[in-house]
Every structure is written in C-alpha cells, then in structure tokens.
Amino acid sequence: MRSHLLSIDSLSRAHVDHLMRVAARMEPIAQRRQVTRVLEGAVLGNLFFEASTRTRVSFNAAFCRLGGSVCDTTGFTFSSMAKGESLYDTSRVLSGYCDAIVMRHPDQGSVAEFAEATHVPVINGGDGPGEHPSQALLDFYTIDKEFTRLGKRLAGAHVLLTGDLKYGRTVHSLIKLLSLYDPMRFTLVSPPGLEMPSRVIDRVESLGHRVEQRESLAGDFSDVDVVYTTRIQRERFTEEMNENFGALSRDFSVDRSFIDDHCSDSTIVMHPLPRDSRPGANDLDVDLNGDPRLAIFRQTDNGIPVRMAIFATLLEVDDLVEKDLRPVRWFVPARLGVDDPAF
C-alpha cells in the first residue's frame, strides 16, 4: 500500500489481497481472544467533521486493539476550522501530534487535499459523496467470508446495488473494488435522479464487467448473490431535491417479502449502515432481523479486523503482530448479539 488510503483507485488487486490476508490474521484479536501491543505508544487522530458512529468508533477500537491510543475531534464547532483554519494548516499541526489520521469531511476531495500536506498516513473515512475505501474493504472481506461459507465463487457473481447510488459513497468504492477481480455482473436499481455516476459505470464496464440499470426492484433476482442496499442520503440534497424526493415509493425498499419472493435462500443481504428503521422509510426493513441471510452485523464486526489490517500495513507492523500475542484476561461473552451464533 501507499502512505495514505484515500481512494480505491490507489489499490491494486495485490494490495487488496494482502490486506485481506492480514485482516484474517487479526481475527483472534478482533474477536477478543488475544491481545497485541504492536502499536503501543502510537497515537491516532480521528477527525470527523460529519456525523458517524460505526466508522469513527470502529477505527478507534481497531487502533486500540493494536495497542495504540486515540484523540478524537467531532464536528466543525469544536475545531479551529470554525475559525477559518485551512486544511493544510490543520494537517500539518495534527501531524505533529499523531502517528496516523482518519478524516471524514462533507466535501468531496477534502481528505485528499488534507493528505497532500503530510507524510503521516491519512485514511479517508468518507469525503462527502466521494468515496469510503475502508468500508469497501470490509464489505469485500464480508462477501469473501460469506461466499466461502456458502461454497460460492466471486468470479461470475451477481451483485445487486440499490438505493441512493448517486450520493452513496460506499457503493462507489465497493463497485470499483469488486471490478479489480474476475468479471461479474452488477445490477443497479435506484430512484430516478439518484443513479450511479456514469464515470463509475464506464470504468467498471471497461474492465470487462456487465452492468445493467433497472428502474425498480420488480422482477426476478433469484440469481443474485449479494443485495447491497443504501440509505437515501438526504443530508446531501438541496431544498428542491428534498421536495422532489419527499414521497419516495416503497418500491425501492428491501424487506422480507422482496427477499423471499424475488431472491434465493443463499442471497446475502448487506447495508453499510446506518439504516433508517423508522416506519415507512425507504430503506432496508427491520423485518429481516434474525434472518440468516442478513449479514449487516457480521459486516460491522468485520470492520475491526479490516481496519486493524489497514493500520498495521500503513504503519508497517503487519509482520510483527503474530510475534506479539497473548491471551485476553477479561470476560468475553460467547456471543455478541441475541441473534448471533457463538464466536
């Protein structure tokens, strides 16, 4: 890997494969069976200028599980950017305090601009409607594990991406990452006006993959291996767009009836979260909770070993972790959630 992780564009298939191998070695630590201190003394700067729960906390947890410590900044209000400080100045200042930096910012390209001012590793935790590379890596890790469990192969897989494909940065990164691999089929379904950017589709097709765009979830999806749905990103809408999208049809919701009637027993259902669980929301429905096809919590759990692998690789300790392990000493539950199998 290079010194920063800003976009899937910076990764080759070899880079991704290496990260997946390192993440697999991190599983015993992520699952709280073993402890390592390879990053003892290292400090992570977490700069989140946009709302986040999973990404911010999982990056924190991943760094801590490697033995490091974390300094957090959330929102513009408590940042010197509220006083007009530039990204360049903020980057240089934080580089004097931290050994790695994760940044989320509402403006596309802002994290790359921030990274230009420093040699300290910077990870893009989401830049507006741009990209979310670490999410794509954990999504890919999840797909690989689920396919292994089900005896499926990635080559020739059929992936359905649905929801807000215009502003949903996770799908931009995921489809670009998957396109590094052997040809597969992508079906894109979104409300009118929220289609996948043409530049992304052109890139994927140029690499030999088949891309089909549909206007609804009606029809047969029984050969779909992965359903990946995303929340409508209303926070990126203008006032006019909010009025236009005020009454979205439930035709774009993914619920138990859709999965039962249109997909197969081996279809994997994924979502980057958060999902809008309020009644009538046009999102992944809560009626799938407890269904073994729903992989969203396995997906979030996988974020820890993958983000540990990112830190270990960028800070060049990935070969030291296995030499620095010991058993945990605290109580660890046999299962995390009430619907989960044992570890």
Protein backbone atom coordinates (compact mmCIF):
# COMPACT_ATOMS: atom_id res chain seq x y z
CA MET A 1 0.00 0.00 0.00
CA ARG A 2 0.99 3.60 -0.38
CA SER A 3 1.43 6.01 2.53
CA HIS A 4 -2.28 7.01 2.54
CA LEU A 5 -5.60 5.26 1.90
CA LEU A 6 -7.69 7.87 0.10
CA SER A 7 -9.44 6.01 -2.71
CA ILE A 8 -9.86 2.53 -4.13
CA ASP A 9 -8.03 3.98 -7.15
CA SER A 10 -4.78 3.73 -5.15
CA LEU A 11 -5.15 -0.02 -4.62
CA SER A 12 -4.25 -2.90 -6.90
CA ARG A 13 -5.67 -6.39 -6.62
CA ALA A 14 -2.40 -7.45 -4.96
CA HIS A 15 -2.81 -4.69 -2.34
CA VAL A 16 -6.36 -5.81 -1.58
CA ASP A 17 -5.38 -9.47 -1.36
CA HIS A 18 -2.60 -8.59 1.09
CA LEU A 19 -4.99 -6.60 3.28
CA MET A 20 -7.46 -9.50 3.30
CA ARG A 21 -4.72 -11.90 4.46
CA VAL A 22 -3.63 -9.51 7.22
CA ALA A 23 -7.26 -8.99 8.29
CA ALA A 24 -7.72 -12.76 8.62
CA ARG A 25 -4.69 -12.87 10.94
CA MET A 26 -6.31 -10.12 13.03
CA GLU A 27 -9.47 -12.15 13.70
CA PRO A 28 -8.38 -13.63 17.07
CA ILE A 29 -7.60 -10.10 18.32
CA ALA A 30 -10.81 -8.61 16.92
CA GLN A 31 -12.81 -11.47 18.49
CA ARG A 32 -11.21 -10.74 21.88
CA ARG A 33 -9.31 -13.99 22.23
CA GLN A 34 -5.84 -12.48 22.00
CA VAL A 35 -4.11 -9.16 22.69
CA THR A 36 -1.27 -7.40 20.89
CA ARG A 37 0.64 -4.20 21.74
CA VAL A 38 2.49 -3.62 18.45
CA LEU A 39 1.23 -0.01 18.28
CA GLU A 40 1.91 0.77 21.94
CA GLY A 41 2.83 4.46 22.17
CA ALA A 42 1.30 5.32 18.79
CA VAL A 43 -1.48 7.94 18.63
CA LEU A 44 -4.39 8.06 16.17
CA GLY A 45 -6.03 11.37 15.31
CA ASN A 46 -9.70 10.83 14.44
CA LEU A 47 -11.03 13.95 12.68
CA PHE A 48 -14.74 13.59 11.96
CA PHE A 49 -16.39 16.72 10.60
CA GLU A 50 -19.53 14.78 9.65
CA ALA A 51 -21.77 12.51 11.72
CA SER A 52 -20.51 8.99 12.29
CA THR A 53 -20.96 6.13 14.72
CA ARG A 54 -19.62 2.90 13.19
CA THR A 55 -16.71 4.30 11.22
CA ARG A 56 -15.39 6.54 13.99
CA VAL A 57 -15.79 4.03 16.82
CA SER A 58 -14.52 1.06 14.82
CA PHE A 59 -11.39 2.95 13.76
CA ASN A 60 -10.89 3.84 17.43
CA ALA A 61 -11.39 0.23 18.53
CA ALA A 62 -9.12 -1.14 15.80
CA PHE A 63 -6.27 1.18 16.77
CA CYS A 64 -6.72 0.44 20.47
CA ARG A 65 -6.76 -3.32 19.87
CA LEU A 66 -3.32 -2.91 18.29
CA GLY A 67 -2.15 -1.19 21.47
CA GLY A 68 -2.41 2.45 20.38
CA SER A 69 -4.37 5.38 21.80
CA VAL A 70 -6.83 7.76 20.16
CA CYS A 71 -7.51 11.52 20.11
CA ASP A 72 -10.97 12.43 18.80
CA THR A 73 -12.38 15.57 17.18
CA THR A 74 -16.00 15.62 16.05
CA GLY A 75 -17.83 18.38 14.19
CA PHE A 76 -16.69 21.81 12.99
CA THR A 77 -17.96 23.65 16.07
CA PHE A 78 -15.12 22.50 18.29
CA SER A 79 -12.46 22.67 15.56
CA SER A 80 -10.23 25.57 14.55
CA MET A 81 -11.72 25.18 11.06
CA ALA A 82 -14.65 27.12 12.52
CA LYS A 83 -12.18 29.99 12.85
CA GLY A 84 -11.14 29.73 9.20
CA GLU A 85 -8.11 27.45 9.53
CA SER A 86 -7.17 25.76 6.25
CA LEU A 87 -6.97 22.02 5.64
CA TYR A 88 -3.24 22.47 5.01
CA ASP A 89 -2.62 24.09 8.40
CA THR A 90 -4.80 21.58 10.23
CA SER A 91 -2.99 18.70 8.53
CA ARG A 92 0.48 19.99 9.41
CA VAL A 93 -0.48 20.70 13.02
CA LEU A 94 -2.09 17.28 13.60
CA SER A 95 0.92 15.59 12.01
CA GLY A 96 2.96 16.86 14.92
CA TYR A 97 0.60 15.19 17.37
CA CYS A 98 -0.42 11.90 15.72
CA ASP A 99 1.12 8.88 14.02
CA ALA A 100 -1.92 8.21 11.81
CA ILE A 101 -5.00 10.25 10.95
CA VAL A 102 -8.52 9.21 9.92
CA MET A 103 -10.59 12.02 8.46
CA ARG A 104 -14.23 12.38 7.44
CA HIS A 105 -15.35 15.58 5.75
CA PRO A 106 -18.56 16.59 3.90
CA ASP A 107 -16.70 17.90 0.82
CA GLN A 108 -15.56 15.51 -1.90
CA GLY A 109 -11.78 15.66 -2.37
CA SER A 110 -11.18 17.32 1.00
CA VAL A 111 -9.39 14.35 2.57
CA ALA A 112 -7.01 14.10 -0.40
CA GLU A 113 -6.27 17.82 -0.05
CA PHE A 114 -5.59 17.29 3.66
CA ALA A 115 -3.23 14.38 2.90
CA GLU A 116 -1.14 16.46 0.49
CA ALA A 117 0.28 18.42 3.46
CA THR A 118 1.63 15.44 5.42
CA HIS A 119 3.71 12.28 5.30
CA VAL A 120 1.77 10.86 8.28
CA PRO A 121 -0.62 8.15 6.97
CA VAL A 122 -4.10 9.53 6.28
CA ILE A 123 -7.17 7.34 5.82
CA ASN A 124 -10.29 8.61 4.10
CA GLY A 125 -13.21 7.93 6.44
CA GLY A 126 -15.63 9.37 3.87
CA ASP A 127 -15.45 12.56 1.81
CA GLY A 128 -18.98 13.73 1.04
CA PRO A 129 -20.41 11.83 -1.94
CA GLY A 130 -16.91 10.74 -2.99
CA GLU A 131 -15.52 7.52 -1.56
CA HIS A 132 -15.28 5.38 1.57
CA PRO A 133 -12.41 2.96 0.86
CA SER A 134 -12.21 1.24 4.24
CA GLN A 135 -15.94 0.44 4.05
CA ALA A 136 -15.42 -1.15 0.64
CA LEU A 137 -12.57 -3.25 2.03
CA LEU A 138 -14.67 -4.53 4.93
CA ASP A 139 -17.58 -5.14 2.55
CA PHE A 140 -15.30 -7.17 0.29
CA TYR A 141 -13.94 -9.09 3.28
CA THR A 142 -17.53 -9.86 4.30
CA ILE A 143 -18.50 -11.04 0.81
CA ASP A 144 -15.43 -13.28 0.65
CA LYS A 145 -16.20 -14.85 4.05
CA GLU A 146 -19.89 -15.33 3.21
CA PHE A 147 -19.07 -16.87 -0.17
CA THR A 148 -16.59 -19.25 1.48
CA ARG A 149 -19.28 -20.30 3.98
CA LEU A 150 -21.78 -20.87 1.15
CA GLY A 151 -19.33 -22.53 -1.25
CA LYS A 152 -19.63 -19.75 -3.84
CA ARG A 153 -17.02 -18.17 -6.06
CA LEU A 154 -16.50 -14.45 -6.68
CA ALA A 155 -15.95 -14.89 -10.41
CA GLY A 156 -19.28 -14.58 -12.18
CA ALA A 157 -21.13 -13.38 -9.08
CA HIS A 158 -24.26 -11.26 -9.47
CA VAL A 159 -24.38 -8.20 -7.19
CA LEU A 160 -27.48 -6.00 -6.83
CA LEU A 161 -26.75 -2.44 -5.69
CA THR A 162 -29.84 -0.46 -4.76
CA GLY A 163 -30.82 2.78 -3.02
CA ASP A 164 -29.01 6.09 -3.36
CA LEU A 165 -26.30 5.25 -5.89
CA LYS A 166 -25.50 8.90 -6.69
CA TYR A 167 -24.55 10.18 -3.24
CA GLY A 168 -23.90 6.83 -1.54
CA ARG A 169 -20.09 6.86 -1.42
CA THR A 170 -19.93 3.27 -0.14
CA VAL A 171 -21.29 1.86 -3.40
CA HIS A 172 -18.85 3.96 -5.44
CA SER A 173 -15.91 2.42 -3.60
CA LEU A 174 -17.34 -1.11 -3.48
CA ILE A 175 -18.12 -1.47 -7.17
CA LYS A 176 -14.66 -0.12 -8.07
CA LEU A 177 -13.01 -2.58 -5.70
CA LEU A 178 -15.02 -5.55 -6.99
CA SER A 179 -14.13 -4.54 -10.55
CA LEU A 180 -10.47 -5.37 -9.77
CA TYR A 181 -11.47 -9.04 -9.81
CA ASP A 182 -12.69 -11.51 -12.41
CA PRO A 183 -15.73 -10.46 -14.45
CA MET A 184 -19.05 -10.38 -12.64
CA ARG A 185 -22.49 -8.91 -13.13
CA PHE A 186 -23.86 -5.77 -11.46
CA THR A 187 -27.50 -4.72 -11.43
CA LEU A 188 -28.15 -1.12 -10.35
CA VAL A 189 -31.56 -0.04 -9.08
CA SER A 190 -32.19 3.47 -7.76
CA PRO A 191 -34.91 6.13 -7.68
CA PRO A 192 -34.86 8.47 -10.72
CA GLY A 193 -32.18 11.12 -10.24
CA LEU A 194 -30.11 9.01 -7.84
CA GLU A 195 -28.39 6.79 -10.41
CA MET A 196 -24.77 5.65 -10.20
CA PRO A 197 -22.42 8.28 -11.76
CA SER A 198 -21.68 7.41 -15.39
CA ARG A 199 -17.92 7.74 -14.85
CA VAL A 200 -18.06 4.86 -12.34
CA ILE A 201 -20.16 2.68 -14.66
CA ASP A 202 -17.84 3.37 -17.60
CA ARG A 203 -14.82 2.33 -15.55
CA VAL A 204 -16.42 -0.91 -14.39
CA GLU A 205 -17.58 -1.83 -17.90
CA SER A 206 -14.14 -1.06 -19.35
CA LEU A 207 -12.72 -3.77 -17.08
CA GLY A 208 -14.99 -6.41 -18.59
CA HIS A 209 -17.88 -6.46 -16.14
CA ARG A 210 -21.55 -6.42 -17.11
CA VAL A 211 -23.63 -3.54 -15.73
CA GLU A 212 -27.42 -3.37 -16.04
CA GLN A 213 -29.54 -0.47 -14.79
CA ARG A 214 -33.18 -1.00 -13.82
CA GLU A 215 -35.88 1.37 -12.60
CA SER A 216 -37.40 -0.82 -9.88
CA LEU A 217 -36.96 -3.95 -7.79
CA ALA A 218 -39.79 -5.69 -9.63
CA GLY A 219 -38.73 -8.84 -11.43
CA ASP A 220 -36.70 -11.95 -10.81
CA PHE A 221 -33.49 -11.64 -8.78
CA SER A 222 -33.20 -15.32 -7.89
CA ASP A 223 -29.65 -15.49 -9.29
CA VAL A 224 -28.46 -12.52 -7.21
CA ASP A 225 -25.69 -13.47 -4.78
CA VAL A 226 -25.47 -10.15 -2.91
CA VAL A 227 -28.11 -7.49 -2.29
CA TYR A 228 -26.34 -4.32 -1.15
CA THR A 229 -28.74 -1.53 -0.27
CA THR A 230 -28.01 2.03 0.84
CA ARG A 231 -29.87 4.75 2.70
CA ILE A 232 -31.16 7.77 0.78
CA GLN A 233 -28.57 10.47 1.55
CA ARG A 234 -31.00 13.31 2.23
CA GLU A 235 -28.32 15.33 4.02
CA ARG A 236 -26.72 15.89 0.58
CA PHE A 237 -29.95 17.08 -1.04
CA THR A 238 -30.81 20.65 -1.88
CA GLU A 239 -34.15 22.01 -0.66
CA GLU A 240 -35.64 21.43 -4.11
CA MET A 241 -34.43 17.83 -4.16
CA ASN A 242 -35.93 17.18 -0.73
CA GLU A 243 -39.28 18.36 -2.08
CA ASN A 244 -38.95 16.15 -5.17
CA PHE A 245 -37.99 13.09 -3.14
CA GLY A 246 -40.49 13.77 -0.37
CA ALA A 247 -42.67 10.76 -1.16
CA LEU A 248 -40.42 8.00 -2.46
CA SER A 249 -42.20 4.84 -3.44
CA ARG A 250 -41.80 1.79 -1.21
CA ASP A 251 -40.84 0.02 -4.43
CA PHE A 252 -37.21 0.72 -3.51
CA SER A 253 -37.35 -0.88 -0.05
CA VAL A 254 -35.61 -4.17 0.65
CA ASP A 255 -37.72 -6.22 3.06
CA ARG A 256 -38.51 -9.84 3.85
CA SER A 257 -41.17 -10.13 1.15
CA PHE A 258 -38.75 -8.90 -1.52
CA ILE A 259 -36.01 -11.31 -0.41
CA ASP A 260 -38.45 -14.24 -0.05
CA ASP A 261 -40.30 -13.59 -3.32
CA HIS A 262 -37.52 -12.39 -5.62
CA CYS A 263 -34.23 -13.79 -4.28
CA SER A 264 -32.87 -17.17 -3.18
CA ASP A 265 -32.10 -18.85 0.13
CA SER A 266 -28.38 -18.19 -0.40
CA THR A 267 -28.68 -14.47 -1.18
CA ILE A 268 -26.61 -12.28 1.18
CA VAL A 269 -28.20 -9.00 2.31
CA MET A 270 -25.79 -6.19 3.13
CA HIS A 271 -26.00 -2.50 4.11
CA PRO A 272 -23.22 -0.09 5.17
CA LEU A 273 -25.45 1.31 7.94
CA PRO A 274 -26.95 3.35 9.40
CA ARG A 275 -30.30 2.23 8.04
CA ASP A 276 -33.41 4.27 8.57
CA SER A 277 -35.54 1.99 10.75
CA ARG A 278 -38.49 4.36 11.08
CA PRO A 279 -41.87 3.14 9.76
CA GLY A 280 -42.31 3.91 6.08
CA ALA A 281 -38.62 4.57 5.47
CA ASN A 282 -37.34 3.69 2.02
CA ASP A 283 -34.51 1.52 3.30
CA LEU A 284 -33.56 -1.96 4.50
CA ASP A 285 -36.51 -3.12 6.59
CA VAL A 286 -36.14 -4.35 10.16
CA ASP A 287 -38.42 -7.31 9.39
CA LEU A 288 -35.30 -9.12 8.15
CA ASN A 289 -33.75 -9.07 11.62
CA GLY A 290 -32.86 -12.59 12.69
CA ASP A 291 -32.82 -13.89 9.10
CA PRO A 292 -29.50 -15.70 8.46
CA ARG A 293 -29.29 -14.05 5.04
CA LEU A 294 -28.97 -10.65 6.76
CA ALA A 295 -25.21 -10.07 7.05
CA ILE A 296 -25.20 -6.46 8.28
CA PHE A 297 -23.95 -7.20 11.79
CA ARG A 298 -21.36 -9.69 10.58
CA GLN A 299 -20.40 -6.88 8.21
CA THR A 300 -19.91 -4.33 11.03
CA ASP A 301 -17.94 -6.86 13.11
CA ASN A 302 -15.63 -7.40 10.12
CA GLY A 303 -14.77 -3.71 10.19
CA ILE A 304 -12.45 -4.26 13.17
CA PRO A 305 -10.00 -6.80 11.65
CA VAL A 306 -10.03 -4.97 8.32
CA ARG A 307 -9.28 -1.58 9.88
CA MET A 308 -6.63 -3.21 12.07
CA ALA A 309 -5.07 -4.55 8.88
CA ILE A 310 -5.11 -1.08 7.31
CA PHE A 311 -3.33 0.46 10.32
CA ALA A 312 -0.84 -2.41 10.61
CA THR A 313 0.04 -2.20 6.92
CA LEU A 314 0.31 1.60 6.74
CA LEU A 315 2.44 1.69 9.91
CA GLU A 316 4.47 -1.32 8.76
CA VAL A 317 3.88 -3.64 11.70
CA ASP A 318 1.82 -6.26 9.85
CA ASP A 319 4.67 -8.80 10.13
CA LEU A 320 5.10 -8.21 13.86
CA VAL A 321 1.59 -8.86 15.17
CA GLU A 322 1.83 -12.66 15.45
CA LYS A 323 5.08 -12.33 17.42
CA ASP A 324 3.38 -10.12 20.00
CA LEU A 325 0.27 -12.02 21.09
CA ARG A 326 -1.05 -13.14 24.48
CA PRO A 327 -4.45 -14.38 25.68
CA VAL A 328 -7.04 -11.90 26.93
CA ARG A 329 -7.63 -11.71 30.68
CA TRP A 330 -11.14 -10.24 30.84
CA PHE A 331 -14.59 -11.76 30.43
CA VAL A 332 -15.69 -12.16 26.81
CA PRO A 333 -19.30 -13.23 26.05
CA ALA A 334 -19.80 -16.35 23.93
CA ARG A 335 -21.92 -14.34 21.51
CA LEU A 336 -22.33 -10.61 20.94
CA GLY A 337 -25.96 -10.08 19.94
CA VAL A 338 -29.04 -12.02 20.96
CA ASP A 339 -29.47 -13.36 17.41
CA ASP A 340 -25.79 -14.17 16.87
CA PRO A 341 -24.17 -17.62 16.78
CA ALA A 342 -21.21 -18.26 19.08
CA PHE A 343 -17.90 -16.75 18.00
